[in-house]
PDB file of all heavy atoms in Angstrom:
ATOM      1  N   PRO A   1      23.354  -0.383   2.300  1.00  0.00           N
ATOM      2  CA  PRO A   1      23.180  -0.152   0.829  1.00  0.00           C
ATOM      3  C   PRO A   1      23.527   1.219   0.373  1.00  0.00           C
ATOM      4  O   PRO A   1      23.633   1.460  -0.797  1.00  0.00           O
ATOM      5  CB  PRO A   1      21.703  -0.452   0.619  1.00  0.00           C
ATOM      6  CG  PRO A   1      21.062  -0.151   1.910  1.00  0.00           C
ATOM      7  CD  PRO A   1      22.100  -0.573   2.952  1.00  0.00           C
ATOM      8  N   VAL A   2      23.678   2.201   1.326  1.00  0.00           N
ATOM      9  CA  VAL A   2      23.950   3.613   0.913  1.00  0.00           C
ATOM     10  C   VAL A   2      25.219   4.127   1.510  1.00  0.00           C
ATOM     11  O   VAL A   2      25.527   5.311   1.312  1.00  0.00           O
ATOM     12  CB  VAL A   2      22.743   4.511   1.201  1.00  0.00           C
ATOM     13  CG1 VAL A   2      21.485   4.086   0.392  1.00  0.00           C
ATOM     14  CG2 VAL A   2      22.447   4.527   2.681  1.00  0.00           C
ATOM     15  N   SER A   3      25.946   3.338   2.238  1.00  0.00           N
ATOM     16  CA  SER A   3      27.112   3.851   2.966  1.00  0.00           C
ATOM     17  C   SER A   3      28.225   4.303   2.056  1.00  0.00           C
ATOM     18  O   SER A   3      29.034   5.175   2.413  1.00  0.00           O
ATOM     19  CB  SER A   3      27.670   2.819   3.939  1.00  0.00           C
ATOM     20  OG  SER A   3      28.071   1.651   3.274  1.00  0.00           O
ATOM     21  N   ALA A   4      28.250   3.729   0.779  1.00  0.00           N
ATOM     22  CA  ALA A   4      29.386   4.168  -0.121  1.00  0.00           C
ATOM     23  C   ALA A   4      28.987   5.274  -1.026  1.00  0.00           C
ATOM     24  O   ALA A   4      29.718   5.679  -1.928  1.00  0.00           O
ATOM     25  CB  ALA A   4      29.731   2.903  -1.004  1.00  0.00           C
ATOM     26  N   LEU A   5      27.798   5.880  -0.767  1.00  0.00           N
ATOM     27  CA  LEU A   5      27.284   6.938  -1.659  1.00  0.00           C
ATOM     28  C   LEU A   5      27.328   8.305  -1.045  1.00  0.00           C
ATOM     29  O   LEU A   5      27.398   8.401   0.274  1.00  0.00           O
ATOM     30  CB  LEU A   5      25.824   6.644  -2.005  1.00  0.00           C
ATOM     31  CG  LEU A   5      25.563   5.233  -2.664  1.00  0.00           C
ATOM     32  CD1 LEU A   5      24.027   5.112  -2.887  1.00  0.00           C
ATOM     33  CD2 LEU A   5      26.341   5.072  -3.925  1.00  0.00           C
ATOM     34  N   ASP A   6      27.396   9.347  -1.826  1.00  0.00           N
ATOM     35  CA  ASP A   6      27.319  10.679  -1.302  1.00  0.00           C
ATOM     36  C   ASP A   6      25.979  10.942  -0.600  1.00  0.00           C
ATOM     37  O   ASP A   6      24.931  10.270  -0.925  1.00  0.00           O
ATOM     38  CB  ASP A   6      27.466  11.733  -2.497  1.00  0.00           C
ATOM     39  CG  ASP A   6      28.821  11.654  -3.065  1.00  0.00           C
ATOM     40  OD1 ASP A   6      29.754  11.205  -2.425  1.00  0.00           O
ATOM     41  OD2 ASP A   6      28.989  12.129  -4.271  1.00  0.00           O
ATOM     42  N   VAL A   7      25.982  11.885   0.305  1.00  0.00           N
ATOM     43  CA  VAL A   7      24.792  12.114   1.123  1.00  0.00           C
ATOM     44  C   VAL A   7      23.558  12.396   0.252  1.00  0.00           C
ATOM     45  O   VAL A   7      22.470  11.907   0.531  1.00  0.00           O
ATOM     46  CB  VAL A   7      25.017  13.230   2.102  1.00  0.00           C
ATOM     47  CG1 VAL A   7      23.777  13.559   2.908  1.00  0.00           C
ATOM     48  CG2 VAL A   7      26.123  12.864   3.102  1.00  0.00           C
ATOM     49  N   SER A   8      23.738  13.271  -0.749  1.00  0.00           N
ATOM     50  CA  SER A   8      22.570  13.625  -1.623  1.00  0.00           C
ATOM     51  C   SER A   8      22.043  12.368  -2.384  1.00  0.00           C
ATOM     52  O   SER A   8      20.829  12.252  -2.567  1.00  0.00           O
ATOM     53  CB  SER A   8      22.957  14.710  -2.587  1.00  0.00           C
ATOM     54  OG  SER A   8      24.048  14.289  -3.392  1.00  0.00           O
ATOM     55  N   VAL A   9      23.018  11.495  -2.798  1.00  0.00           N
ATOM     56  CA  VAL A   9      22.574  10.328  -3.523  1.00  0.00           C
ATOM     57  C   VAL A   9      22.009   9.342  -2.591  1.00  0.00           C
ATOM     58  O   VAL A   9      21.024   8.587  -2.965  1.00  0.00           O
ATOM     59  CB  VAL A   9      23.779   9.739  -4.226  1.00  0.00           C
ATOM     60  CG1 VAL A   9      23.414   8.488  -5.015  1.00  0.00           C
ATOM     61  CG2 VAL A   9      24.436  10.713  -5.148  1.00  0.00           C
ATOM     62  N   GLN A  10      22.385   9.300  -1.317  1.00  0.00           N
ATOM     63  CA  GLN A  10      21.806   8.408  -0.334  1.00  0.00           C
ATOM     64  C   GLN A  10      20.323   8.684  -0.156  1.00  0.00           C
ATOM     65  O   GLN A  10      19.521   7.734  -0.169  1.00  0.00           O
ATOM     66  CB  GLN A  10      22.445   8.640   1.059  1.00  0.00           C
ATOM     67  CG  GLN A  10      23.834   8.071   1.195  1.00  0.00           C
ATOM     68  CD  GLN A  10      24.369   8.247   2.610  1.00  0.00           C
ATOM     69  OE1 GLN A  10      23.640   8.505   3.515  1.00  0.00           O
ATOM     70  NE2 GLN A  10      25.666   7.969   2.738  1.00  0.00           N
ATOM     71  N   ALA A  11      19.957   9.953  -0.099  1.00  0.00           N
ATOM     72  CA  ALA A  11      18.527  10.306   0.057  1.00  0.00           C
ATOM     73  C   ALA A  11      17.715   9.811  -1.165  1.00  0.00           C
ATOM     74  O   ALA A  11      16.610   9.293  -0.965  1.00  0.00           O
ATOM     75  CB  ALA A  11      18.362  11.780   0.181  1.00  0.00           C
ATOM     76  N   GLN A  12      18.248   9.925  -2.375  1.00  0.00           N
ATOM     77  CA  GLN A  12      17.535   9.465  -3.574  1.00  0.00           C
ATOM     78  C   GLN A  12      17.348   7.942  -3.508  1.00  0.00           C
ATOM     79  O   GLN A  12      16.221   7.507  -3.813  1.00  0.00           O
ATOM     80  CB  GLN A  12      18.336   9.854  -4.810  1.00  0.00           C
ATOM     81  CG  GLN A  12      18.525  11.299  -5.038  1.00  0.00           C
ATOM     82  CD  GLN A  12      19.412  11.601  -6.213  1.00  0.00           C
ATOM     83  OE1 GLN A  12      19.752  10.743  -6.995  1.00  0.00           O
ATOM     84  NE2 GLN A  12      19.864  12.846  -6.336  1.00  0.00           N
ATOM     85  N   VAL A  13      18.364   7.195  -3.114  1.00  0.00           N
ATOM     86  CA  VAL A  13      18.241   5.758  -3.086  1.00  0.00           C
ATOM     87  C   VAL A  13      17.283   5.307  -1.981  1.00  0.00           C
ATOM     88  O   VAL A  13      16.483   4.360  -2.166  1.00  0.00           O
ATOM     89  CB  VAL A  13      19.639   5.121  -2.941  1.00  0.00           C
ATOM     90  CG1 VAL A  13      19.519   3.645  -2.656  1.00  0.00           C
ATOM     91  CG2 VAL A  13      20.532   5.429  -4.118  1.00  0.00           C
ATOM     92  N   LEU A  14      17.338   5.954  -0.837  1.00  0.00           N
ATOM     93  CA  LEU A  14      16.421   5.629   0.254  1.00  0.00           C
ATOM     94  C   LEU A  14      14.963   5.899  -0.142  1.00  0.00           C
ATOM     95  O   LEU A  14      14.115   5.086   0.162  1.00  0.00           O
ATOM     96  CB  LEU A  14      16.864   6.373   1.522  1.00  0.00           C
ATOM     97  CG  LEU A  14      18.146   5.941   2.127  1.00  0.00           C
ATOM     98  CD1 LEU A  14      18.529   6.909   3.299  1.00  0.00           C
ATOM     99  CD2 LEU A  14      18.182   4.567   2.620  1.00  0.00           C
ATOM    100  N   ASN A  15      14.767   7.057  -0.755  1.00  0.00           N
ATOM    101  CA  ASN A  15      13.384   7.351  -1.206  1.00  0.00           C
ATOM    102  C   ASN A  15      12.884   6.359  -2.270  1.00  0.00           C
ATOM    103  O   ASN A  15      11.769   5.897  -2.271  1.00  0.00           O
ATOM    104  CB  ASN A  15      13.337   8.744  -1.830  1.00  0.00           C
ATOM    105  CG  ASN A  15      13.450   9.857  -0.769  1.00  0.00           C
ATOM    106  OD1 ASN A  15      13.088   9.656   0.364  1.00  0.00           O
ATOM    107  ND2 ASN A  15      13.982  10.968  -1.133  1.00  0.00           N
ATOM    108  N   LEU A  16      13.834   5.956  -3.135  1.00  0.00           N
ATOM    109  CA  LEU A  16      13.516   4.868  -4.087  1.00  0.00           C
ATOM    110  C   LEU A  16      13.074   3.602  -3.404  1.00  0.00           C
ATOM    111  O   LEU A  16      12.061   3.006  -3.721  1.00  0.00           O
ATOM    112  CB  LEU A  16      14.706   4.614  -5.021  1.00  0.00           C
ATOM    113  CG  LEU A  16      14.576   3.417  -5.942  1.00  0.00           C
ATOM    114  CD1 LEU A  16      13.425   3.618  -6.947  1.00  0.00           C
ATOM    115  CD2 LEU A  16      15.935   3.214  -6.647  1.00  0.00           C
ATOM    116  N   MET A  17      13.861   3.188  -2.410  1.00  0.00           N
ATOM    117  CA  MET A  17      13.514   1.926  -1.682  1.00  0.00           C
ATOM    118  C   MET A  17      12.178   1.984  -1.006  1.00  0.00           C
ATOM    119  O   MET A  17      11.459   1.005  -0.943  1.00  0.00           O
ATOM    120  CB  MET A  17      14.688   1.597  -0.690  1.00  0.00           C
ATOM    121  CG  MET A  17      15.998   1.324  -1.363  1.00  0.00           C
ATOM    122  SD  MET A  17      17.380   1.081  -0.245  1.00  0.00           S
ATOM    123  CE  MET A  17      16.949  -0.604   0.421  1.00  0.00           C
ATOM    124  N   GLN A  18      11.862   3.146  -0.450  1.00  0.00           N
ATOM    125  CA  GLN A  18      10.522   3.289   0.215  1.00  0.00           C
ATOM    126  C   GLN A  18       9.416   3.240  -0.803  1.00  0.00           C
ATOM    127  O   GLN A  18       8.365   2.653  -0.568  1.00  0.00           O
ATOM    128  CB  GLN A  18      10.487   4.609   0.980  1.00  0.00           C
ATOM    129  CG  GLN A  18      11.386   4.598   2.213  1.00  0.00           C
ATOM    130  CD  GLN A  18      11.329   5.850   3.020  1.00  0.00           C
ATOM    131  OE1 GLN A  18      11.575   6.948   2.502  1.00  0.00           O
ATOM    132  NE2 GLN A  18      10.970   5.811   4.252  1.00  0.00           N
ATOM    133  N   ASP A  19       9.664   3.884  -2.008  1.00  0.00           N
ATOM    134  CA  ASP A  19       8.603   3.827  -3.048  1.00  0.00           C
ATOM    135  C   ASP A  19       8.386   2.368  -3.523  1.00  0.00           C
ATOM    136  O   ASP A  19       7.277   2.009  -3.707  1.00  0.00           O
ATOM    137  CB  ASP A  19       9.035   4.733  -4.238  1.00  0.00           C
ATOM    138  CG  ASP A  19       9.004   6.223  -3.846  1.00  0.00           C
ATOM    139  OD1 ASP A  19       8.388   6.560  -2.838  1.00  0.00           O
ATOM    140  OD2 ASP A  19       9.653   7.029  -4.564  1.00  0.00           O
ATOM    141  N   LEU A  20       9.542   1.686  -3.722  1.00  0.00           N
ATOM    142  CA  LEU A  20       9.404   0.292  -4.219  1.00  0.00           C
ATOM    143  C   LEU A  20       8.707  -0.585  -3.142  1.00  0.00           C
ATOM    144  O   LEU A  20       7.991  -1.501  -3.533  1.00  0.00           O
ATOM    145  CB  LEU A  20      10.816  -0.264  -4.475  1.00  0.00           C
ATOM    146  CG  LEU A  20      11.556   0.369  -5.669  1.00  0.00           C
ATOM    147  CD1 LEU A  20      12.932  -0.107  -5.764  1.00  0.00           C
ATOM    148  CD2 LEU A  20      10.771   0.139  -6.992  1.00  0.00           C
ATOM    149  N   GLN A  21       8.935  -0.289  -1.898  1.00  0.00           N
ATOM    150  CA  GLN A  21       8.271  -1.065  -0.847  1.00  0.00           C
ATOM    151  C   GLN A  21       6.781  -0.899  -0.912  1.00  0.00           C
ATOM    152  O   GLN A  21       6.001  -1.871  -0.807  1.00  0.00           O
ATOM    153  CB  GLN A  21       8.781  -0.623   0.546  1.00  0.00           C
ATOM    154  CG  GLN A  21       8.233  -1.421   1.716  1.00  0.00           C
ATOM    155  CD  GLN A  21       8.778  -1.027   3.023  1.00  0.00           C
ATOM    156  OE1 GLN A  21       9.127   0.145   3.194  1.00  0.00           O
ATOM    157  NE2 GLN A  21       8.932  -1.960   3.923  1.00  0.00           N
ATOM    158  N   GLN A  22       6.344   0.333  -1.110  1.00  0.00           N
ATOM    159  CA  GLN A  22       4.916   0.582  -1.216  1.00  0.00           C
ATOM    160  C   GLN A  22       4.335  -0.025  -2.497  1.00  0.00           C
ATOM    161  O   GLN A  22       3.235  -0.527  -2.550  1.00  0.00           O
ATOM    162  CB  GLN A  22       4.635   2.097  -1.179  1.00  0.00           C
ATOM    163  CG  GLN A  22       4.964   2.755   0.169  1.00  0.00           C
ATOM    164  CD  GLN A  22       4.752   4.223   0.177  1.00  0.00           C
ATOM    165  OE1 GLN A  22       4.373   4.806  -0.841  1.00  0.00           O
ATOM    166  NE2 GLN A  22       5.034   4.869   1.339  1.00  0.00           N
ATOM    167  N   GLN A  23       5.055   0.041  -3.590  1.00  0.00           N
ATOM    168  CA  GLN A  23       4.609  -0.437  -4.865  1.00  0.00           C
ATOM    169  C   GLN A  23       4.496  -1.953  -4.934  1.00  0.00           C
ATOM    170  O   GLN A  23       3.524  -2.505  -5.487  1.00  0.00           O
ATOM    171  CB  GLN A  23       5.546   0.090  -5.983  1.00  0.00           C
ATOM    172  CG  GLN A  23       5.129  -0.330  -7.409  1.00  0.00           C
ATOM    173  CD  GLN A  23       6.031   0.238  -8.406  1.00  0.00           C
ATOM    174  OE1 GLN A  23       6.907   1.060  -8.183  1.00  0.00           O
ATOM    175  NE2 GLN A  23       5.847  -0.149  -9.727  1.00  0.00           N
ATOM    176  N   PHE A  24       5.529  -2.639  -4.387  1.00  0.00           N
ATOM    177  CA  PHE A  24       5.592  -4.056  -4.525  1.00  0.00           C
ATOM    178  C   PHE A  24       5.311  -4.846  -3.228  1.00  0.00           C
ATOM    179  O   PHE A  24       5.279  -6.080  -3.229  1.00  0.00           O
ATOM    180  CB  PHE A  24       6.979  -4.472  -5.062  1.00  0.00           C
ATOM    181  CG  PHE A  24       7.249  -3.947  -6.447  1.00  0.00           C
ATOM    182  CD1 PHE A  24       8.194  -2.960  -6.622  1.00  0.00           C
ATOM    183  CD2 PHE A  24       6.642  -4.473  -7.545  1.00  0.00           C
ATOM    184  CE1 PHE A  24       8.426  -2.428  -7.892  1.00  0.00           C
ATOM    185  CE2 PHE A  24       6.924  -3.982  -8.808  1.00  0.00           C
ATOM    186  CZ  PHE A  24       7.830  -2.962  -8.960  1.00  0.00           C
ATOM    187  N   GLY A  25       5.146  -4.147  -2.120  1.00  0.00           N
ATOM    188  CA  GLY A  25       4.890  -4.809  -0.844  1.00  0.00           C
ATOM    189  C   GLY A  25       6.049  -5.535  -0.271  1.00  0.00           C
ATOM    190  O   GLY A  25       5.937  -6.568   0.343  1.00  0.00           O
TER     191      GLY A  25
END
């Protein structure tokens, strides 16, 4: 899901996915 993104943007998307995992289970 993040291989086509810049490194700085990858971190933002990965942090988002972790937050969503905690929020929605």
